[in-house]
C-alpha atoms as a PDB file:
ATOM      1  CA  MET A   1      -9.326 -12.910 -25.384  1.00  0.00           C
ATOM      2  CA  MET A   2     -10.906 -11.604 -22.417  1.00  0.00           C
ATOM      3  CA  ILE A   3     -10.741  -8.118 -20.992  1.00  0.00           C
ATOM      4  CA  VAL A   4     -10.841  -7.765 -17.124  1.00  0.00           C
ATOM      5  CA  ARG A   5     -11.789  -4.691 -15.405  1.00  0.00           C
ATOM      6  CA  LYS A   6      -9.848  -3.831 -12.448  1.00  0.00           C
ATOM      7  CA  ARG A   7     -11.427  -2.763  -9.422  1.00  0.00           C
ATOM      8  CA  VAL A   8     -10.574   0.983  -8.488  1.00  0.00           C
ATOM      9  CA  SER A   9      -9.263  -0.131  -4.812  1.00  0.00           C
ATOM     10  CA  ASP A  10      -6.719  -2.855  -6.854  1.00  0.00           C
ATOM     11  CA  GLN A  11      -5.514  -0.088  -9.127  1.00  0.00           C
ATOM     12  CA  ILE A  12      -4.879   2.374  -5.826  1.00  0.00           C
ATOM     13  CA  ILE A  13      -3.349  -0.638  -4.032  1.00  0.00           C
ATOM     14  CA  GLU A  14      -0.785  -0.880  -7.084  1.00  0.00           C
ATOM     15  CA  GLU A  15      -0.324   2.871  -7.206  1.00  0.00           C
ATOM     16  CA  ILE A  16       0.661   2.989  -3.477  1.00  0.00           C
ATOM     17  CA  LYS A  17       3.138  -0.029  -3.876  1.00  0.00           C
ATOM     18  CA  ASN A  18       4.849   1.688  -6.433  1.00  0.00           C
ATOM     19  CA  LYS A  19       5.119   4.877  -4.688  1.00  0.00           C
ATOM     20  CA  ILE A  20       6.368   2.716  -1.573  1.00  0.00           C
ATOM     21  CA  LYS A  21       9.020   1.011  -4.009  1.00  0.00           C
ATOM     22  CA  SER A  22      10.224   4.355  -5.400  1.00  0.00           C
ATOM     23  CA  GLY A  23      10.843   5.996  -2.267  1.00  0.00           C
ATOM     24  CA  GLU A  24       8.172   8.356  -2.653  1.00  0.00           C
ATOM     25  CA  PHE A  25       6.426   6.846   0.442  1.00  0.00           C
ATOM     26  CA  PRO A  26       9.295   5.627   2.665  1.00  0.00           C
ATOM     27  CA  VAL A  27       9.142   3.101   5.454  1.00  0.00           C
ATOM     28  CA  ASN A  28       7.929   4.336   8.480  1.00  0.00           C
ATOM     29  CA  SER A  29       6.511   7.230   6.797  1.00  0.00           C
ATOM     30  CA  LYS A  30       2.875   8.379   7.530  1.00  0.00           C
ATOM     31  CA  LEU A  31       0.860   8.242   4.387  1.00  0.00           C
ATOM     32  CA  PRO A  32      -1.058  11.383   3.235  1.00  0.00           C
ATOM     33  CA  SER A  33      -4.599  11.388   4.740  1.00  0.00           C
ATOM     34  CA  GLU A  34      -7.557   9.408   3.115  1.00  0.00           C
ATOM     35  CA  ASN A  35      -8.926  12.828   1.888  1.00  0.00           C
ATOM     36  CA  GLU A  36      -5.347  13.482   0.477  1.00  0.00           C
ATOM     37  CA  LEU A  37      -5.135  10.396  -1.243  1.00  0.00           C
ATOM     38  CA  ALA A  38      -8.831  10.575  -2.488  1.00  0.00           C
ATOM     39  CA  LYS A  39      -7.721  13.752  -4.084  1.00  0.00           C
ATOM     40  CA  MET A  40      -4.389  12.326  -5.453  1.00  0.00           C
ATOM     41  CA  PHE A  41      -6.027   9.524  -7.265  1.00  0.00           C
ATOM     42  CA  ASN A  42      -9.245  11.369  -8.122  1.00  0.00           C
ATOM     43  CA  VAL A  43     -11.339   9.149  -6.511  1.00  0.00           C
ATOM     44  CA  SER A  44     -13.629   8.980  -3.302  1.00  0.00           C
ATOM     45  CA  ARG A  45     -12.679   7.922   0.017  1.00  0.00           C
ATOM     46  CA  VAL A  46     -14.257   4.226  -0.095  1.00  0.00           C
ATOM     47  CA  PRO A  47     -11.607   2.761  -2.512  1.00  0.00           C
ATOM     48  CA  ILE A  48      -8.952   4.564  -0.521  1.00  0.00           C
ATOM     49  CA  ARG A  49     -10.186   2.648   2.663  1.00  0.00           C
ATOM     50  CA  GLU A  50     -10.307  -0.621   0.679  1.00  0.00           C
ATOM     51  CA  ALA A  51      -6.906  -0.221  -0.434  1.00  0.00           C
ATOM     52  CA  LEU A  52      -5.394   0.733   3.098  1.00  0.00           C
ATOM     53  CA  SER A  53      -7.343  -2.145   4.271  1.00  0.00           C
ATOM     54  CA  ALA A  54      -5.986  -4.565   1.989  1.00  0.00           C
ATOM     55  CA  LEU A  55      -2.605  -3.229   2.202  1.00  0.00           C
ATOM     56  CA  SER A  56      -2.849  -3.376   6.092  1.00  0.00           C
ATOM     57  CA  SER A  57      -3.785  -7.104   5.893  1.00  0.00           C
ATOM     58  CA  HIS A  58      -0.718  -7.587   4.132  1.00  0.00           C
ATOM     59  CA  GLY A  59       1.447  -5.779   6.951  1.00  0.00           C
ATOM     60  CA  ILE A  60       2.711  -3.429   4.350  1.00  0.00           C
ATOM     61  CA  VAL A  61       0.551  -0.320   6.024  1.00  0.00           C
ATOM     62  CA  GLU A  62      -0.413  -0.047   9.470  1.00  0.00           C
ATOM     63  CA  SER A  63      -3.459   1.921  10.470  1.00  0.00           C
ATOM     64  CA  VAL A  64      -2.984   3.864  14.074  1.00  0.00           C
ATOM     65  CA  HIS A  65      -6.121   4.715  15.506  1.00  0.00           C
ATOM     66  CA  GLY A  66      -6.247   8.330  15.387  1.00  0.00           C
ATOM     67  CA  GLY A  67      -2.693   8.590  13.841  1.00  0.00           C
ATOM     68  CA  GLY A  68      -3.103   7.777  10.335  1.00  0.00           C
ATOM     69  CA  ASN A  69      -1.494   5.228   8.139  1.00  0.00           C
ATOM     70  CA  TRP A  70       2.018   4.185   8.290  1.00  0.00           C
ATOM     71  CA  VAL A  71       4.508   2.606   5.787  1.00  0.00           C
ATOM     72  CA  ARG A  72       6.006  -0.353   7.978  1.00  0.00           C
ATOM     73  CA  PRO A  73       8.854  -2.670   7.178  1.00  0.00           C
ATOM     74  CA  LYS A  74       7.851  -5.842   6.036  1.00  0.00           C
ATOM     75  CA  PRO A  75       7.468  -8.681   8.639  1.00  0.00           C
ATOM     76  CA  ILE A  76       9.883 -11.751   7.871  1.00  0.00           C
ATOM     77  CA  GLU A  77       6.806 -13.891   8.307  1.00  0.00           C
ATOM     78  CA  LYS A  78       4.991 -12.386   5.188  1.00  0.00           C
ATOM     79  CA  LEU A  79       7.948 -12.596   2.809  1.00  0.00           C
ATOM     80  CA  LEU A  80       6.238 -15.499   0.896  1.00  0.00           C
ATOM     81  CA  ASP A  81       2.868 -13.539   0.541  1.00  0.00           C
ATOM     82  CA  GLN A  82       2.776 -12.351  -3.209  1.00  0.00           C
ATOM     83  CA  PRO A  83       1.520  -8.717  -2.884  1.00  0.00           C
ATOM     84  CA  LEU A  84       4.130  -8.200  -0.277  1.00  0.00           C
ATOM     85  CA  ILE A  85       7.320  -9.699  -2.202  1.00  0.00           C
ATOM     86  CA  GLU A  86       6.475  -7.156  -5.093  1.00  0.00           C
ATOM     87  CA  VAL A  87       7.263  -4.318  -2.669  1.00  0.00           C
ATOM     88  CA  ILE A  88      10.470  -5.769  -1.240  1.00  0.00           C
ATOM     89  CA  SER A  89      13.878  -5.051  -2.910  1.00  0.00           C
ATOM     90  CA  TYR A  90      16.504  -7.469  -2.626  1.00  0.00           C
ATOM     91  CA  LYS A  91      18.670  -5.495  -0.778  1.00  0.00           C
ATOM     92  CA  GLN A  92      15.650  -5.170   2.070  1.00  0.00           C
ATOM     93  CA  ILE A  93      15.628  -8.828   2.009  1.00  0.00           C
ATOM     94  CA  MET A  94      19.078  -9.427   2.732  1.00  0.00           C
ATOM     95  CA  GLU A  95      19.233  -7.024   5.793  1.00  0.00           C
END
């Protein structure tokens, strides 16, 4: 059996996706600041930035220059993207 260490940013991605799924971070809401997220997850801002960048590349989060990071509705063209599909509920797909 091989034990694989997960990068801190990957763990943060999973936690943010879970908070989106649970409604704690609703669609079209502004995420807490990088500093607040760093305190929430007890990490530096570096893995927070990495996680937000990855979430942004999948269309889950939109980074607005000077306006923070926002949870966005999932674009239909990205529905087949595995990291995105985990965040989308059946109801959202059917809407």
